[in-house]
Amino acid sequence: IRSEGQVRWVVDRVEEDGSARCTMTLEWM
Protein backbone atom coordinates (compact mmCIF):
# COMPACT_ATOMS: atom_id res chain seq x y z
CA ILE A 1 0.00 0.00 0.00
CA ARG A 2 1.40 3.37 -1.05
CA SER A 3 -0.33 6.47 0.27
CA GLU A 4 0.38 10.09 -0.54
CA GLY A 5 -1.22 13.36 0.38
CA GLN A 6 -1.06 16.94 1.47
CA VAL A 7 -1.77 18.29 4.96
CA ARG A 8 -2.26 21.91 5.97
CA TRP A 9 -1.39 23.00 9.52
CA VAL A 10 -2.55 26.38 10.86
CA VAL A 11 -1.87 27.83 14.31
CA ASP A 12 -5.14 29.41 15.46
CA ARG A 13 -4.39 30.44 19.05
CA VAL A 14 -1.38 30.47 21.39
CA GLU A 15 -1.85 30.57 25.16
CA GLU A 16 0.41 32.33 27.65
CA ASP A 17 1.90 28.99 28.78
CA GLY A 18 3.00 28.18 25.21
CA SER A 19 0.25 25.67 24.45
CA ALA A 20 -1.69 26.13 21.23
CA ARG A 21 -4.83 25.26 19.31
CA CYS A 22 -4.28 24.40 15.68
CA THR A 23 -6.22 23.25 12.64
CA MET A 24 -5.06 20.19 10.70
CA THR A 25 -6.68 19.49 7.33
CA LEU A 26 -5.99 16.52 5.07
CA GLU A 27 -6.39 18.46 1.84
CA TRP A 28 -6.05 15.48 -0.50
CA MET A 29 -5.02 11.85 -0.27
mmCIF file of all heavy atoms, coordinates in Angstrom:
data_MODEL
# 
_entry.id   MODEL 
# 
loop_
_atom_site.group_PDB 
_atom_site.id 
_atom_site.type_symbol 
_atom_site.label_atom_id 
_atom_site.label_alt_id 
_atom_site.label_comp_id 
_atom_site.label_asym_id 
_atom_site.label_entity_id 
_atom_site.label_seq_id 
_atom_site.pdbx_PDB_ins_code 
_atom_site.Cartn_x 
_atom_site.Cartn_y 
_atom_site.Cartn_z 
_atom_site.occupancy 
_atom_site.B_iso_or_equiv 
_atom_site.pdbx_formal_charge 
_atom_site.auth_seq_id 
_atom_site.auth_comp_id 
_atom_site.auth_asym_id 
_atom_site.auth_atom_id 
_atom_site.pdbx_PDB_model_num 
ATOM 1   N N   . ILE A 1 1  ? 0.856   -1.184 0.000  1.00 0.00 ? 1  ILE A N   1 
ATOM 2   C CA  . ILE A 1 1  ? 0.000   0.000  0.000  1.00 0.00 ? 1  ILE A CA  1 
ATOM 3   C C   . ILE A 1 1  ? 0.899   1.243  0.000  1.00 0.00 ? 1  ILE A C   1 
ATOM 4   O O   . ILE A 1 1  ? 1.757   1.395  0.860  1.00 0.00 ? 1  ILE A O   1 
ATOM 5   C CB  . ILE A 1 1  ? -0.912  0.057  1.231  1.00 0.00 ? 1  ILE A CB  1 
ATOM 6   C CG1 . ILE A 1 1  ? -1.761  -1.209 1.341  1.00 0.00 ? 1  ILE A CG1 1 
ATOM 7   C CG2 . ILE A 1 1  ? -1.806  1.295  1.175  1.00 0.00 ? 1  ILE A CG2 1 
ATOM 8   C CD1 . ILE A 1 1  ? -2.498  -1.336 2.650  1.00 0.00 ? 1  ILE A CD1 1 
ATOM 9   N N   . ARG A 1 2  ? 0.672   2.096  -0.980 1.00 0.00 ? 2  ARG A N   1 
ATOM 10  C CA  . ARG A 1 2  ? 1.399   3.366  -1.053 1.00 0.00 ? 2  ARG A CA  1 
ATOM 11  C C   . ARG A 1 2  ? 0.377   4.487  -0.905 1.00 0.00 ? 2  ARG A C   1 
ATOM 12  O O   . ARG A 1 2  ? -0.589  4.554  -1.662 1.00 0.00 ? 2  ARG A O   1 
ATOM 13  C CB  . ARG A 1 2  ? 2.134   3.507  -2.388 1.00 0.00 ? 2  ARG A CB  1 
ATOM 14  C CG  . ARG A 1 2  ? 2.878   4.845  -2.550 1.00 0.00 ? 2  ARG A CG  1 
ATOM 15  C CD  . ARG A 1 2  ? 3.485   4.938  -3.941 1.00 0.00 ? 2  ARG A CD  1 
ATOM 16  N NE  . ARG A 1 2  ? 4.083   6.234  -4.182 1.00 0.00 ? 2  ARG A NE  1 
ATOM 17  C CZ  . ARG A 1 2  ? 5.353   6.553  -3.938 1.00 0.00 ? 2  ARG A CZ  1 
ATOM 18  N NH1 . ARG A 1 2  ? 6.163   5.617  -3.439 1.00 0.00 ? 2  ARG A NH1 1 
ATOM 19  N NH2 . ARG A 1 2  ? 5.832   7.755  -4.194 1.00 0.00 ? 2  ARG A NH2 1 
ATOM 20  N N   . SER A 1 3  ? 0.577   5.344  0.069  1.00 0.00 ? 3  SER A N   1 
ATOM 21  C CA  . SER A 1 3  ? -0.326  6.474  0.272  1.00 0.00 ? 3  SER A CA  1 
ATOM 22  C C   . SER A 1 3  ? 0.448   7.776  0.179  1.00 0.00 ? 3  SER A C   1 
ATOM 23  O O   . SER A 1 3  ? 1.605   7.866  0.583  1.00 0.00 ? 3  SER A O   1 
ATOM 24  C CB  . SER A 1 3  ? -1.030  6.365  1.634  1.00 0.00 ? 3  SER A CB  1 
ATOM 25  O OG  . SER A 1 3  ? -0.080  6.320  2.684  1.00 0.00 ? 3  SER A OG  1 
ATOM 26  N N   . GLU A 1 4  ? -0.208  8.769  -0.390 1.00 0.00 ? 4  GLU A N   1 
ATOM 27  C CA  . GLU A 1 4  ? 0.380   10.092 -0.542 1.00 0.00 ? 4  GLU A CA  1 
ATOM 28  C C   . GLU A 1 4  ? -0.677  11.129 -0.210 1.00 0.00 ? 4  GLU A C   1 
ATOM 29  O O   . GLU A 1 4  ? -1.875  10.842 -0.255 1.00 0.00 ? 4  GLU A O   1 
ATOM 30  C CB  . GLU A 1 4  ? 0.883   10.312 -1.972 1.00 0.00 ? 4  GLU A CB  1 
ATOM 31  C CG  . GLU A 1 4  ? 1.924   9.314  -2.443 1.00 0.00 ? 4  GLU A CG  1 
ATOM 32  C CD  . GLU A 1 4  ? 2.358   9.575  -3.876 1.00 0.00 ? 4  GLU A CD  1 
ATOM 33  O OE1 . GLU A 1 4  ? 2.773   10.722 -4.163 1.00 0.00 ? 4  GLU A OE1 1 
ATOM 34  O OE2 . GLU A 1 4  ? 2.283   8.652  -4.702 1.00 0.00 ? 4  GLU A OE2 1 
ATOM 35  N N   . GLY A 1 5  ? -0.233  12.320 0.107  1.00 0.00 ? 5  GLY A N   1 
ATOM 36  C CA  . GLY A 1 5  ? -1.216  13.359 0.377  1.00 0.00 ? 5  GLY A CA  1 
ATOM 37  C C   . GLY A 1 5  ? -0.594  14.671 0.792  1.00 0.00 ? 5  GLY A C   1 
ATOM 38  O O   . GLY A 1 5  ? 0.630   14.813 0.872  1.00 0.00 ? 5  GLY A O   1 
ATOM 39  N N   . GLN A 1 6  ? -1.466  15.610 1.064  1.00 0.00 ? 6  GLN A N   1 
ATOM 40  C CA  . GLN A 1 6  ? -1.056  16.945 1.472  1.00 0.00 ? 6  GLN A CA  1 
ATOM 41  C C   . GLN A 1 6  ? -1.852  17.354 2.702  1.00 0.00 ? 6  GLN A C   1 
ATOM 42  O O   . GLN A 1 6  ? -3.067  17.148 2.761  1.00 0.00 ? 6  GLN A O   1 
ATOM 43  C CB  . GLN A 1 6  ? -1.294  17.929 0.335  1.00 0.00 ? 6  GLN A CB  1 
ATOM 44  C CG  . GLN A 1 6  ? -0.804  19.337 0.600  1.00 0.00 ? 6  GLN A CG  1 
ATOM 45  C CD  . GLN A 1 6  ? -0.828  20.186 -0.656 1.00 0.00 ? 6  GLN A CD  1 
ATOM 46  O OE1 . GLN A 1 6  ? 0.001   20.011 -1.541 1.00 0.00 ? 6  GLN A OE1 1 
ATOM 47  N NE2 . GLN A 1 6  ? -1.789  21.086 -0.750 1.00 0.00 ? 6  GLN A NE2 1 
ATOM 48  N N   . VAL A 1 7  ? -1.160  17.905 3.683  1.00 0.00 ? 7  VAL A N   1 
ATOM 49  C CA  . VAL A 1 7  ? -1.774  18.292 4.955  1.00 0.00 ? 7  VAL A CA  1 
ATOM 50  C C   . VAL A 1 7  ? -1.458  19.760 5.233  1.00 0.00 ? 7  VAL A C   1 
ATOM 51  O O   . VAL A 1 7  ? -0.305  20.186 5.110  1.00 0.00 ? 7  VAL A O   1 
ATOM 52  C CB  . VAL A 1 7  ? -1.249  17.424 6.120  1.00 0.00 ? 7  VAL A CB  1 
ATOM 53  C CG1 . VAL A 1 7  ? -2.003  17.754 7.404  1.00 0.00 ? 7  VAL A CG1 1 
ATOM 54  C CG2 . VAL A 1 7  ? -1.355  15.943 5.794  1.00 0.00 ? 7  VAL A CG2 1 
ATOM 55  N N   . ARG A 1 8  ? -2.474  20.510 5.603  1.00 0.00 ? 8  ARG A N   1 
ATOM 56  C CA  . ARG A 1 8  ? -2.265  21.912 5.970  1.00 0.00 ? 8  ARG A CA  1 
ATOM 57  C C   . ARG A 1 8  ? -2.393  22.056 7.480  1.00 0.00 ? 8  ARG A C   1 
ATOM 58  O O   . ARG A 1 8  ? -3.327  21.527 8.096  1.00 0.00 ? 8  ARG A O   1 
ATOM 59  C CB  . ARG A 1 8  ? -3.288  22.796 5.259  1.00 0.00 ? 8  ARG A CB  1 
ATOM 60  C CG  . ARG A 1 8  ? -3.110  24.292 5.552  1.00 0.00 ? 8  ARG A CG  1 
ATOM 61  C CD  . ARG A 1 8  ? -3.953  25.129 4.610  1.00 0.00 ? 8  ARG A CD  1 
ATOM 62  N NE  . ARG A 1 8  ? -4.002  26.525 4.994  1.00 0.00 ? 8  ARG A NE  1 
ATOM 63  C CZ  . ARG A 1 8  ? -3.032  27.410 4.771  1.00 0.00 ? 8  ARG A CZ  1 
ATOM 64  N NH1 . ARG A 1 8  ? -1.927  27.015 4.155  1.00 0.00 ? 8  ARG A NH1 1 
ATOM 65  N NH2 . ARG A 1 8  ? -3.158  28.664 5.149  1.00 0.00 ? 8  ARG A NH2 1 
ATOM 66  N N   . TRP A 1 9  ? -1.444  22.791 8.071  1.00 0.00 ? 9  TRP A N   1 
ATOM 67  C CA  . TRP A 1 9  ? -1.386  23.002 9.519  1.00 0.00 ? 9  TRP A CA  1 
ATOM 68  C C   . TRP A 1 9  ? -1.419  24.502 9.779  1.00 0.00 ? 9  TRP A C   1 
ATOM 69  O O   . TRP A 1 9  ? -0.578  25.254 9.281  1.00 0.00 ? 9  TRP A O   1 
ATOM 70  C CB  . TRP A 1 9  ? -0.090  22.397 10.064 1.00 0.00 ? 9  TRP A CB  1 
ATOM 71  C CG  . TRP A 1 9  ? 0.102   22.505 11.545 1.00 0.00 ? 9  TRP A CG  1 
ATOM 72  C CD1 . TRP A 1 9  ? 0.686   23.537 12.216 1.00 0.00 ? 9  TRP A CD1 1 
ATOM 73  C CD2 . TRP A 1 9  ? -0.274  21.540 12.534 1.00 0.00 ? 9  TRP A CD2 1 
ATOM 74  N NE1 . TRP A 1 9  ? 0.707   23.278 13.570 1.00 0.00 ? 9  TRP A NE1 1 
ATOM 75  C CE2 . TRP A 1 9  ? 0.123   22.053 13.796 1.00 0.00 ? 9  TRP A CE2 1 
ATOM 76  C CE3 . TRP A 1 9  ? -0.896  20.298 12.486 1.00 0.00 ? 9  TRP A CE3 1 
ATOM 77  C CZ2 . TRP A 1 9  ? -0.087  21.373 14.987 1.00 0.00 ? 9  TRP A CZ2 1 
ATOM 78  C CZ3 . TRP A 1 9  ? -1.106  19.622 13.674 1.00 0.00 ? 9  TRP A CZ3 1 
ATOM 79  C CH2 . TRP A 1 9  ? -0.712  20.149 14.899 1.00 0.00 ? 9  TRP A CH2 1 
ATOM 80  N N   . VAL A 1 10 ? -2.402  24.956 10.566 1.00 0.00 ? 10 VAL A N   1 
ATOM 81  C CA  . VAL A 1 10 ? -2.548  26.377 10.865 1.00 0.00 ? 10 VAL A CA  1 
ATOM 82  C C   . VAL A 1 10 ? -2.616  26.566 12.375 1.00 0.00 ? 10 VAL A C   1 
ATOM 83  O O   . VAL A 1 10 ? -3.371  25.861 13.063 1.00 0.00 ? 10 VAL A O   1 
ATOM 84  C CB  . VAL A 1 10 ? -3.829  26.958 10.222 1.00 0.00 ? 10 VAL A CB  1 
ATOM 85  C CG1 . VAL A 1 10 ? -3.957  28.443 10.548 1.00 0.00 ? 10 VAL A CG1 1 
ATOM 86  C CG2 . VAL A 1 10 ? -3.814  26.747 8.712  1.00 0.00 ? 10 VAL A CG2 1 
ATOM 87  N N   . VAL A 1 11 ? -1.837  27.493 12.887 1.00 0.00 ? 11 VAL A N   1 
ATOM 88  C CA  . VAL A 1 11 ? -1.869  27.834 14.308 1.00 0.00 ? 11 VAL A CA  1 
ATOM 89  C C   . VAL A 1 11 ? -2.969  28.874 14.513 1.00 0.00 ? 11 VAL A C   1 
ATOM 90  O O   . VAL A 1 11 ? -2.892  29.991 14.003 1.00 0.00 ? 11 VAL A O   1 
ATOM 91  C CB  . VAL A 1 11 ? -0.511  28.387 14.779 1.00 0.00 ? 11 VAL A CB  1 
ATOM 92  C CG1 . VAL A 1 11 ? -0.578  28.776 16.255 1.00 0.00 ? 11 VAL A CG1 1 
ATOM 93  C CG2 . VAL A 1 11 ? 0.592   27.368 14.535 1.00 0.00 ? 11 VAL A CG2 1 
ATOM 94  N N   . ASP A 1 12 ? -3.999  28.510 15.258 1.00 0.00 ? 12 ASP A N   1 
ATOM 95  C CA  . ASP A 1 12 ? -5.135  29.408 15.462 1.00 0.00 ? 12 ASP A CA  1 
ATOM 96  C C   . ASP A 1 12 ? -4.971  30.291 16.695 1.00 0.00 ? 12 ASP A C   1 
ATOM 97  O O   . ASP A 1 12 ? -5.301  31.470 16.677 1.00 0.00 ? 12 ASP A O   1 
ATOM 98  C CB  . ASP A 1 12 ? -6.427  28.591 15.600 1.00 0.00 ? 12 ASP A CB  1 
ATOM 99  C CG  . ASP A 1 12 ? -6.720  27.771 14.358 1.00 0.00 ? 12 ASP A CG  1 
ATOM 100 O OD1 . ASP A 1 12 ? -6.599  28.326 13.246 1.00 0.00 ? 12 ASP A OD1 1 
ATOM 101 O OD2 . ASP A 1 12 ? -7.046  26.574 14.500 1.00 0.00 ? 12 ASP A OD2 1 
ATOM 102 N N   . ARG A 1 13 ? -4.478  29.697 17.789 1.00 0.00 ? 13 ARG A N   1 
ATOM 103 C CA  . ARG A 1 13 ? -4.388  30.438 19.047 1.00 0.00 ? 13 ARG A CA  1 
ATOM 104 C C   . ARG A 1 13 ? -3.201  29.928 19.856 1.00 0.00 ? 13 ARG A C   1 
ATOM 105 O O   . ARG A 1 13 ? -2.928  28.728 19.876 1.00 0.00 ? 13 ARG A O   1 
ATOM 106 C CB  . ARG A 1 13 ? -5.677  30.271 19.846 1.00 0.00 ? 13 ARG A CB  1 
ATOM 107 C CG  . ARG A 1 13 ? -5.766  31.201 21.043 1.00 0.00 ? 13 ARG A CG  1 
ATOM 108 C CD  . ARG A 1 13 ? -7.151  31.143 21.662 1.00 0.00 ? 13 ARG A CD  1 
ATOM 109 N NE  . ARG A 1 13 ? -7.368  29.907 22.426 1.00 0.00 ? 13 ARG A NE  1 
ATOM 110 C CZ  . ARG A 1 13 ? -8.553  29.335 22.581 1.00 0.00 ? 13 ARG A CZ  1 
ATOM 111 N NH1 . ARG A 1 13 ? -9.617  29.860 21.994 1.00 0.00 ? 13 ARG A NH1 1 
ATOM 112 N NH2 . ARG A 1 13 ? -8.682  28.249 23.300 1.00 0.00 ? 13 ARG A NH2 1 
ATOM 113 N N   . VAL A 1 14 ? -2.509  30.822 20.525 1.00 0.00 ? 14 VAL A N   1 
ATOM 114 C CA  . VAL A 1 14 ? -1.385  30.471 21.386 1.00 0.00 ? 14 VAL A CA  1 
ATOM 115 C C   . VAL A 1 14 ? -1.662  31.017 22.782 1.00 0.00 ? 14 VAL A C   1 
ATOM 116 O O   . VAL A 1 14 ? -1.960  32.215 22.935 1.00 0.00 ? 14 VAL A O   1 
ATOM 117 C CB  . VAL A 1 14 ? -0.053  31.028 20.848 1.00 0.00 ? 14 VAL A CB  1 
ATOM 118 C CG1 . VAL A 1 14 ? 1.089   30.673 21.806 1.00 0.00 ? 14 VAL A CG1 1 
ATOM 119 C CG2 . VAL A 1 14 ? 0.234   30.481 19.451 1.00 0.00 ? 14 VAL A CG2 1 
ATOM 120 N N   . GLU A 1 15 ? -1.583  30.156 23.789 1.00 0.00 ? 15 GLU A N   1 
ATOM 121 C CA  . GLU A 1 15 ? -1.845  30.572 25.163 1.00 0.00 ? 15 GLU A CA  1 
ATOM 122 C C   . GLU A 1 15 ? -0.578  31.108 25.818 1.00 0.00 ? 15 GLU A C   1 
ATOM 123 O O   . GLU A 1 15 ? 0.535   30.932 25.305 1.00 0.00 ? 15 GLU A O   1 
ATOM 124 C CB  . GLU A 1 15 ? -2.389  29.389 25.971 1.00 0.00 ? 15 GLU A CB  1 
ATOM 125 C CG  . GLU A 1 15 ? -3.594  28.709 25.349 1.00 0.00 ? 15 GLU A CG  1 
ATOM 126 C CD  . GLU A 1 15 ? -4.826  29.596 25.296 1.00 0.00 ? 15 GLU A CD  1 
ATOM 127 O OE1 . GLU A 1 15 ? -4.826  30.656 25.954 1.00 0.00 ? 15 GLU A OE1 1 
ATOM 128 O OE2 . GLU A 1 15 ? -5.792  29.226 24.592 1.00 0.00 ? 15 GLU A OE2 1 
ATOM 129 N N   . GLU A 1 16 ? -0.733  31.744 26.963 1.00 0.00 ? 16 GLU A N   1 
ATOM 130 C CA  . GLU A 1 16 ? 0.415   32.325 27.653 1.00 0.00 ? 16 GLU A CA  1 
ATOM 131 C C   . GLU A 1 16 ? 1.436   31.276 28.069 1.00 0.00 ? 16 GLU A C   1 
ATOM 132 O O   . GLU A 1 16 ? 2.632   31.555 28.151 1.00 0.00 ? 16 GLU A O   1 
ATOM 133 C CB  . GLU A 1 16 ? -0.064  33.104 28.887 1.00 0.00 ? 16 GLU A CB  1 
ATOM 134 C CG  . GLU A 1 16 ? -0.839  34.363 28.551 1.00 0.00 ? 16 GLU A CG  1 
ATOM 135 C CD  . GLU A 1 16 ? -1.202  35.156 29.793 1.00 0.00 ? 16 GLU A CD  1 
ATOM 136 O OE1 . GLU A 1 16 ? -0.799  34.733 30.910 1.00 0.00 ? 16 GLU A OE1 1 
ATOM 137 O OE2 . GLU A 1 16 ? -1.878  36.194 29.659 1.00 0.00 ? 16 GLU A OE2 1 
ATOM 138 N N   . ASP A 1 17 ? 0.972   30.033 28.344 1.00 0.00 ? 17 ASP A N   1 
ATOM 139 C CA  . ASP A 1 17 ? 1.900   28.993 28.779 1.00 0.00 ? 17 ASP A CA  1 
ATOM 140 C C   . ASP A 1 17 ? 2.610   28.313 27.607 1.00 0.00 ? 17 ASP A C   1 
ATOM 141 O O   . ASP A 1 17 ? 3.419   27.407 27.818 1.00 0.00 ? 17 ASP A O   1 
ATOM 142 C CB  . ASP A 1 17 ? 1.173   27.939 29.624 1.00 0.00 ? 17 ASP A CB  1 
ATOM 143 C CG  . ASP A 1 17 ? 0.100   27.197 28.823 1.00 0.00 ? 17 ASP A CG  1 
ATOM 144 O OD1 . ASP A 1 17 ? -0.120  27.514 27.639 1.00 0.00 ? 17 ASP A OD1 1 
ATOM 145 O OD2 . ASP A 1 17 ? -0.517  26.269 29.392 1.00 0.00 ? 17 ASP A OD2 1 
ATOM 146 N N   . GLY A 1 18 ? 2.342   28.762 26.381 1.00 0.00 ? 18 GLY A N   1 
ATOM 147 C CA  . GLY A 1 18 ? 2.996   28.180 25.210 1.00 0.00 ? 18 GLY A CA  1 
ATOM 148 C C   . GLY A 1 18 ? 2.194   27.101 24.515 1.00 0.00 ? 18 GLY A C   1 
ATOM 149 O O   . GLY A 1 18 ? 2.563   26.656 23.427 1.00 0.00 ? 18 GLY A O   1 
ATOM 150 N N   . SER A 1 19 ? 1.105   26.641 25.108 1.00 0.00 ? 19 SER A N   1 
ATOM 151 C CA  . SER A 1 19 ? 0.246   25.667 24.445 1.00 0.00 ? 19 SER A CA  1 
ATOM 152 C C   . SER A 1 19 ? -0.503  26.356 23.302 1.00 0.00 ? 19 SER A C   1 
ATOM 153 O O   . SER A 1 19 ? -0.576  27.582 23.239 1.00 0.00 ? 19 SER A O   1 
ATOM 154 C CB  . SER A 1 19 ? -0.739  25.046 25.437 1.00 0.00 ? 19 SER A CB  1 
ATOM 155 O OG  . SER A 1 19 ? -1.588  26.039 25.986 1.00 0.00 ? 19 SER A OG  1 
ATOM 156 N N   . ALA A 1 20 ? -1.059  25.546 22.405 1.00 0.00 ? 20 ALA A N   1 
ATOM 157 C CA  . ALA A 1 20 ? -1.686  26.134 21.228 1.00 0.00 ? 20 ALA A CA  1 
ATOM 158 C C   . ALA A 1 20 ? -2.852  25.294 20.746 1.00 0.00 ? 20 ALA A C   1 
ATOM 159 O O   . ALA A 1 20 ? -2.927  24.085 21.011 1.00 0.00 ? 20 ALA A O   1 
ATOM 160 C CB  . ALA A 1 20 ? -0.653  26.282 20.109 1.00 0.00 ? 20 ALA A CB  1 
ATOM 161 N N   . ARG A 1 21 ? -3.756  25.960 20.032 1.00 0.00 ? 21 ARG A N   1 
ATOM 162 C CA  . ARG A 1 21 ? -4.830  25.265 19.311 1.00 0.00 ? 21 ARG A CA  1 
ATOM 163 C C   . ARG A 1 21 ? -4.586  25.470 17.830 1.00 0.00 ? 21 ARG A C   1 
ATOM 164 O O   . ARG A 1 21 ? -4.365  26.600 17.367 1.00 0.00 ? 21 ARG A O   1 
ATOM 165 C CB  . ARG A 1 21 ? -6.207  25.786 19.706 1.00 0.00 ? 21 ARG A CB  1 
ATOM 166 C CG  . ARG A 1 21 ? -6.597  25.429 21.131 1.00 0.00 ? 21 ARG A CG  1 
ATOM 167 C CD  . ARG A 1 21 ? -8.073  25.663 21.382 1.00 0.00 ? 21 ARG A CD  1 
ATOM 168 N NE  . ARG A 1 21 ? -8.895  24.779 20.565 1.00 0.00 ? 21 ARG A NE  1 
ATOM 169 C CZ  . ARG A 1 21 ? -10.232 24.769 20.634 1.00 0.00 ? 21 ARG A CZ  1 
ATOM 170 N NH1 . ARG A 1 21 ? -10.866 25.578 21.445 1.00 0.00 ? 21 ARG A NH1 1 
ATOM 171 N NH2 . ARG A 1 21 ? -10.913 23.938 19.877 1.00 0.00 ? 21 ARG A NH2 1 
ATOM 172 N N   . CYS A 1 22 ? -4.616  24.364 17.086 1.00 0.00 ? 22 CYS A N   1 
ATOM 173 C CA  . CYS A 1 22 ? -4.275  24.405 15.678 1.00 0.00 ? 22 CYS A CA  1 
ATOM 174 C C   . CYS A 1 22 ? -5.351  23.702 14.854 1.00 0.00 ? 22 CYS A C   1 
ATOM 175 O O   . CYS A 1 22 ? -6.164  22.941 15.381 1.00 0.00 ? 22 CYS A O   1 
ATOM 176 C CB  . CYS A 1 22 ? -2.925  23.718 15.435 1.00 0.00 ? 22 CYS A CB  1 
ATOM 177 S SG  . CYS A 1 22 ? -1.570  24.364 16.451 1.00 0.00 ? 22 CYS A SG  1 
ATOM 178 N N   . THR A 1 23 ? -5.334  23.942 13.565 1.00 0.00 ? 23 THR A N   1 
ATOM 179 C CA  . THR A 1 23 ? -6.218  23.253 12.643 1.00 0.00 ? 23 THR A CA  1 
ATOM 180 C C   . THR A 1 23 ? -5.382  22.399 11.709 1.00 0.00 ? 23 THR A C   1 
ATOM 181 O O   . THR A 1 23 ? -4.424  22.892 11.104 1.00 0.00 ? 23 THR A O   1 
ATOM 182 C CB  . THR A 1 23 ? -7.058  24.247 11.820 1.00 0.00 ? 23 THR A CB  1 
ATOM 183 O OG1 . THR A 1 23 ? -7.892  24.996 12.697 1.00 0.00 ? 23 THR A OG1 1 
ATOM 184 C CG2 . THR A 1 23 ? -7.931  23.507 10.813 1.00 0.00 ? 23 THR A CG2 1 
ATOM 185 N N   . MET A 1 24 ? -5.730  21.121 11.602 1.00 0.00 ? 24 MET A N   1 
ATOM 186 C CA  . MET A 1 24 ? -5.058  20.194 10.697 1.00 0.00 ? 24 MET A CA  1 
ATOM 187 C C   . MET A 1 24 ? -6.082  19.704 9.669  1.00 0.00 ? 24 MET A C   1 
ATOM 188 O O   . MET A 1 24 ? -7.131  19.183 10.035 1.00 0.00 ? 24 MET A O   1 
ATOM 189 C CB  . MET A 1 24 ? -4.471  19.006 11.462 1.00 0.00 ? 24 MET A CB  1 
ATOM 190 C CG  . MET A 1 24 ? -3.711  18.021 10.584 1.00 0.00 ? 24 MET A CG  1 
ATOM 191 S SD  . MET A 1 24 ? -2.980  16.649 11.542 1.00 0.00 ? 24 MET A SD  1 
ATOM 192 C CE  . MET A 1 24 ? -4.462  15.695 11.952 1.00 0.00 ? 24 MET A CE  1 
ATOM 193 N N   . THR A 1 25 ? -5.758  19.878 8.394  1.00 0.00 ? 25 THR A N   1 
ATOM 194 C CA  . THR A 1 25 ? -6.676  19.494 7.326  1.00 0.00 ? 25 THR A CA  1 
ATOM 195 C C   . THR A 1 25 ? -5.959  18.598 6.323  1.00 0.00 ? 25 THR A C   1 
ATOM 196 O O   . THR A 1 25 ? -4.913  18.980 5.783  1.00 0.00 ? 25 THR A O   1 
ATOM 197 C CB  . THR A 1 25 ? -7.219  20.739 6.594  1.00 0.00 ? 25 THR A CB  1 
ATOM 198 O OG1 . THR A 1 25 ? -7.781  21.644 7.531  1.00 0.00 ? 25 THR A OG1 1 
ATOM 199 C CG2 . THR A 1 25 ? -8.277  20.332 5.574  1.00 0.00 ? 25 THR A CG2 1 
ATOM 200 N N   . LEU A 1 26 ? -6.502  17.409 6.108  1.00 0.00 ? 26 LEU A N   1 
ATOM 201 C CA  . LEU A 1 26 ? -5.987  16.520 5.066  1.00 0.00 ? 26 LEU A CA  1 
ATOM 202 C C   . LEU A 1 26 ? -6.576  17.004 3.750  1.00 0.00 ? 26 LEU A C   1 
ATOM 203 O O   . LEU A 1 26 ? -7.704  16.664 3.395  1.00 0.00 ? 26 LEU A O   1 
ATOM 204 C CB  . LEU A 1 26 ? -6.401  15.078 5.354  1.00 0.00 ? 26 LEU A CB  1 
ATOM 205 C CG  . LEU A 1 26 ? -5.980  14.521 6.721  1.00 0.00 ? 26 LEU A CG  1 
ATOM 206 C CD1 . LEU A 1 26 ? -6.611  13.162 6.954  1.00 0.00 ? 26 LEU A CD1 1 
ATOM 207 C CD2 . LEU A 1 26 ? -4.470  14.423 6.806  1.00 0.00 ? 26 LEU A CD2 1 
ATOM 208 N N   . GLU A 1 27 ? -5.820  17.794 3.004  1.00 0.00 ? 27 GLU A N   1 
ATOM 209 C CA  . GLU A 1 27 ? -6.385  18.457 1.835  1.00 0.00 ? 27 GLU A CA  1 
ATOM 210 C C   . GLU A 1 27 ? -6.675  17.475 0.700  1.00 0.00 ? 27 GLU A C   1 
ATOM 211 O O   . GLU A 1 27 ? -7.682  17.588 0.019  1.00 0.00 ? 27 GLU A O   1 
ATOM 212 C CB  . GLU A 1 27 ? -5.454  19.571 1.369  1.00 0.00 ? 27 GLU A CB  1 
ATOM 213 C CG  . GLU A 1 27 ? -5.319  20.679 2.416  1.00 0.00 ? 27 GLU A CG  1 
ATOM 214 C CD  . GLU A 1 27 ? -4.739  21.947 1.863  1.00 0.00 ? 27 GLU A CD  1 
ATOM 215 O OE1 . GLU A 1 27 ? -3.805  21.869 1.033  1.00 0.00 ? 27 GLU A OE1 1 
ATOM 216 O OE2 . GLU A 1 27 ? -5.221  23.034 2.237  1.00 0.00 ? 27 GLU A OE2 1 
ATOM 217 N N   . TRP A 1 28 ? -5.783  16.549 0.463  1.00 0.00 ? 28 TRP A N   1 
ATOM 218 C CA  . TRP A 1 28 ? -6.049  15.476 -0.496 1.00 0.00 ? 28 TRP A CA  1 
ATOM 219 C C   . TRP A 1 28 ? -5.230  14.256 -0.115 1.00 0.00 ? 28 TRP A C   1 
ATOM 220 O O   . TRP A 1 28 ? -4.211  14.362 0.573  1.00 0.00 ? 28 TRP A O   1 
ATOM 221 C CB  . TRP A 1 28 ? -5.754  15.909 -1.938 1.00 0.00 ? 28 TRP A CB  1 
ATOM 222 C CG  . TRP A 1 28 ? -4.305  16.206 -2.240 1.00 0.00 ? 28 TRP A CG  1 
ATOM 223 C CD1 . TRP A 1 28 ? -3.700  17.426 -2.186 1.00 0.00 ? 28 TRP A CD1 1 
ATOM 224 C CD2 . TRP A 1 28 ? -3.285  15.271 -2.642 1.00 0.00 ? 28 TRP A CD2 1 
ATOM 225 N NE1 . TRP A 1 28 ? -2.374  17.313 -2.515 1.00 0.00 ? 28 TRP A NE1 1 
ATOM 226 C CE2 . TRP A 1 28 ? -2.092  15.998 -2.812 1.00 0.00 ? 28 TRP A CE2 1 
ATOM 227 C CE3 . TRP A 1 28 ? -3.270  13.897 -2.883 1.00 0.00 ? 28 TRP A CE3 1 
ATOM 228 C CZ2 . TRP A 1 28 ? -0.896  15.402 -3.205 1.00 0.00 ? 28 TRP A CZ2 1 
ATOM 229 C CZ3 . TRP A 1 28 ? -2.073  13.299 -3.267 1.00 0.00 ? 28 TRP A CZ3 1 
ATOM 230 C CH2 . TRP A 1 28 ? -0.905  14.044 -3.423 1.00 0.00 ? 28 TRP A CH2 1 
ATOM 231 N N   . MET A 1 29 ? -5.703  13.108 -0.552 1.00 0.00 ? 29 MET A N   1 
ATOM 232 C CA  . MET A 1 29 ? -5.021  11.847 -0.270 1.00 0.00 ? 29 MET A CA  1 
ATOM 233 C C   . MET A 1 29 ? -5.187  10.905 -1.454 1.00 0.00 ? 29 MET A C   1 
ATOM 234 O O   . MET A 1 29 ? -6.201  10.942 -2.155 1.00 0.00 ? 29 MET A O   1 
ATOM 235 C CB  . MET A 1 29 ? -5.604  11.178 0.980  1.00 0.00 ? 29 MET A CB  1 
ATOM 236 C CG  . MET A 1 29 ? -5.312  11.901 2.276  1.00 0.00 ? 29 MET A CG  1 
ATOM 237 S SD  . MET A 1 29 ? -6.270  11.180 3.643  1.00 0.00 ? 29 MET A SD  1 
ATOM 238 C CE  . MET A 1 29 ? -7.899  11.841 3.269  1.00 0.00 ? 29 MET A CE  1 
# 
